[in-house]
Amino acid sequence: MFVDLNILIKINQNNMPKFSRTQKFTKANIANVPQNKAIIYKIKSRDGENLYTGIAGRGRPQERLLEHKEIKREKIPEGTRFQYAQVKTKDIASKIEKSIIKKEQPEFNEQHK
């Protein structure tokens, strides 16, 4: 059976994956992010504004978030919170990421606006 992912994503655009609760952007909280699936993540301000949306492939979510944590002060200084959602593949994550960026226009995303 052949399923066109583009059609599937369009059908499910209103059914965004369920994001985790927003939590402080700390190494301890990052260490609790599951590694078994790809994720879409949002780095947010204290007020809940989405400052940056990104993705990480399976096995790499914690590493990717830690990369942002290390450069946060110079690149996304107001980023004090984050949330994430797991999806089956990085391809699906990428399509959802583009949709979120287009809709929410995060300040620090340069692509997909």
Protein backbone atom coordinates (compact mmCIF):
# COMPACT_ATOMS: atom_id res chain seq x y z
CA MET A 1 0.00 0.00 0.00
CA PHE A 2 1.40 3.41 -1.00
CA VAL A 3 0.72 6.42 1.24
CA ASP A 4 1.72 9.88 0.10
CA LEU A 5 3.19 11.61 3.17
CA ASN A 6 2.38 15.06 1.76
CA ILE A 7 -1.31 14.20 1.66
CA LEU A 8 -1.16 12.61 5.10
CA ILE A 9 0.48 15.72 6.57
CA LYS A 10 -2.09 18.02 4.92
CA ILE A 11 -4.93 15.92 6.32
CA ASN A 12 -3.38 15.97 9.77
CA GLN A 13 -2.20 19.61 9.88
CA ASN A 14 -4.97 20.44 12.30
CA ASN A 15 -3.95 17.42 14.39
CA MET A 16 -0.57 18.66 15.55
CA PRO A 17 1.28 16.26 17.80
CA LYS A 18 0.71 16.75 21.51
CA PHE A 19 3.48 18.87 22.98
CA SER A 20 4.87 18.28 26.46
CA ARG A 21 4.10 20.76 29.19
CA THR A 22 6.34 23.81 29.03
CA GLN A 23 9.31 23.39 31.37
CA LYS A 24 12.42 25.29 32.39
CA PHE A 25 15.26 25.04 29.88
CA THR A 26 17.69 23.26 32.23
CA LYS A 27 20.16 20.43 31.69
CA ALA A 28 18.19 18.31 34.18
CA ASN A 29 14.95 18.72 32.20
CA ILE A 30 16.73 18.13 28.90
CA ALA A 31 18.10 14.85 30.32
CA ASN A 32 14.48 13.64 30.66
CA VAL A 33 13.62 14.12 26.97
CA PRO A 34 13.09 10.68 25.36
CA GLN A 35 15.62 9.60 22.73
CA ASN A 36 13.59 6.87 21.01
CA LYS A 37 11.82 9.06 18.41
CA ALA A 38 12.35 12.25 16.46
CA ILE A 39 11.08 15.43 18.12
CA ILE A 40 9.88 18.91 17.28
CA TYR A 41 10.81 21.40 19.99
CA LYS A 42 10.03 25.00 20.84
CA ILE A 43 12.32 27.27 22.84
CA LYS A 44 10.13 29.81 24.59
CA SER A 45 10.37 33.01 26.58
CA ARG A 46 9.31 33.31 30.21
CA ASP A 47 5.97 34.65 28.90
CA GLY A 48 5.42 31.61 26.67
CA GLU A 49 6.29 33.22 23.32
CA ASN A 50 7.76 30.73 20.83
CA LEU A 51 11.23 32.10 20.05
CA TYR A 52 12.61 29.16 18.06
CA THR A 53 11.24 25.90 16.66
CA GLY A 54 13.51 23.05 15.65
CA ILE A 55 13.72 19.30 15.13
CA ALA A 56 16.03 16.49 16.17
CA GLY A 57 16.23 12.95 14.81
CA ARG A 58 15.86 9.78 16.83
CA GLY A 59 18.75 9.31 19.24
CA ARG A 60 19.68 13.00 19.14
CA PRO A 61 17.00 15.05 20.98
CA GLN A 62 19.00 15.63 24.17
CA GLU A 63 22.19 16.44 22.27
CA ARG A 64 20.40 18.96 20.04
CA LEU A 65 18.70 20.71 22.96
CA LEU A 66 22.01 20.86 24.84
CA GLU A 67 23.59 22.52 21.78
CA HIS A 68 20.94 25.23 22.05
CA LYS A 69 21.46 25.48 25.80
CA GLU A 70 25.19 26.10 25.30
CA ILE A 71 24.71 28.87 22.72
CA LYS A 72 21.49 30.24 24.19
CA ARG A 73 23.03 33.31 25.80
CA GLU A 74 24.29 34.70 22.51
CA LYS A 75 21.71 33.34 20.06
CA ILE A 76 18.41 33.12 21.99
CA PRO A 77 19.01 35.01 25.25
CA GLU A 78 15.35 35.14 26.29
CA GLY A 79 14.92 31.36 25.87
CA THR A 80 14.21 30.12 29.38
CA ARG A 81 11.63 27.40 28.70
CA PHE A 82 11.03 24.62 26.19
CA GLN A 83 8.55 21.99 25.14
CA TYR A 84 8.67 19.11 22.67
CA ALA A 85 6.55 16.57 20.84
CA GLN A 86 7.61 13.15 19.63
CA VAL A 87 6.87 11.97 16.08
CA LYS A 88 7.73 8.80 14.18
CA THR A 89 10.30 10.18 11.75
CA LYS A 90 12.49 13.19 11.14
CA ASP A 91 10.71 13.74 7.79
CA ILE A 92 7.38 14.14 9.58
CA ALA A 93 9.06 16.39 12.16
CA SER A 94 10.41 18.57 9.36
CA LYS A 95 6.99 19.06 7.78
CA ILE A 96 5.43 19.96 11.12
CA GLU A 97 8.34 22.28 11.95
CA LYS A 98 7.77 24.21 8.70
CA SER A 99 4.06 24.51 9.46
CA ILE A 100 4.68 25.82 13.00
CA ILE A 101 7.30 28.33 11.80
CA LYS A 102 5.00 29.60 9.07
CA LYS A 103 2.11 29.99 11.52
CA GLU A 104 3.92 31.29 14.64
CA GLN A 105 6.85 33.19 13.01
CA PRO A 106 9.37 32.56 15.85
CA GLU A 107 11.81 35.46 16.14
CA PHE A 108 15.00 33.38 15.88
CA ASN A 109 14.02 31.04 13.02
CA GLU A 110 15.42 32.18 9.71
CA GLN A 111 14.18 29.38 7.44
CA HIS A 112 10.58 28.55 6.42
CA LYS A 113 9.04 31.95 7.24
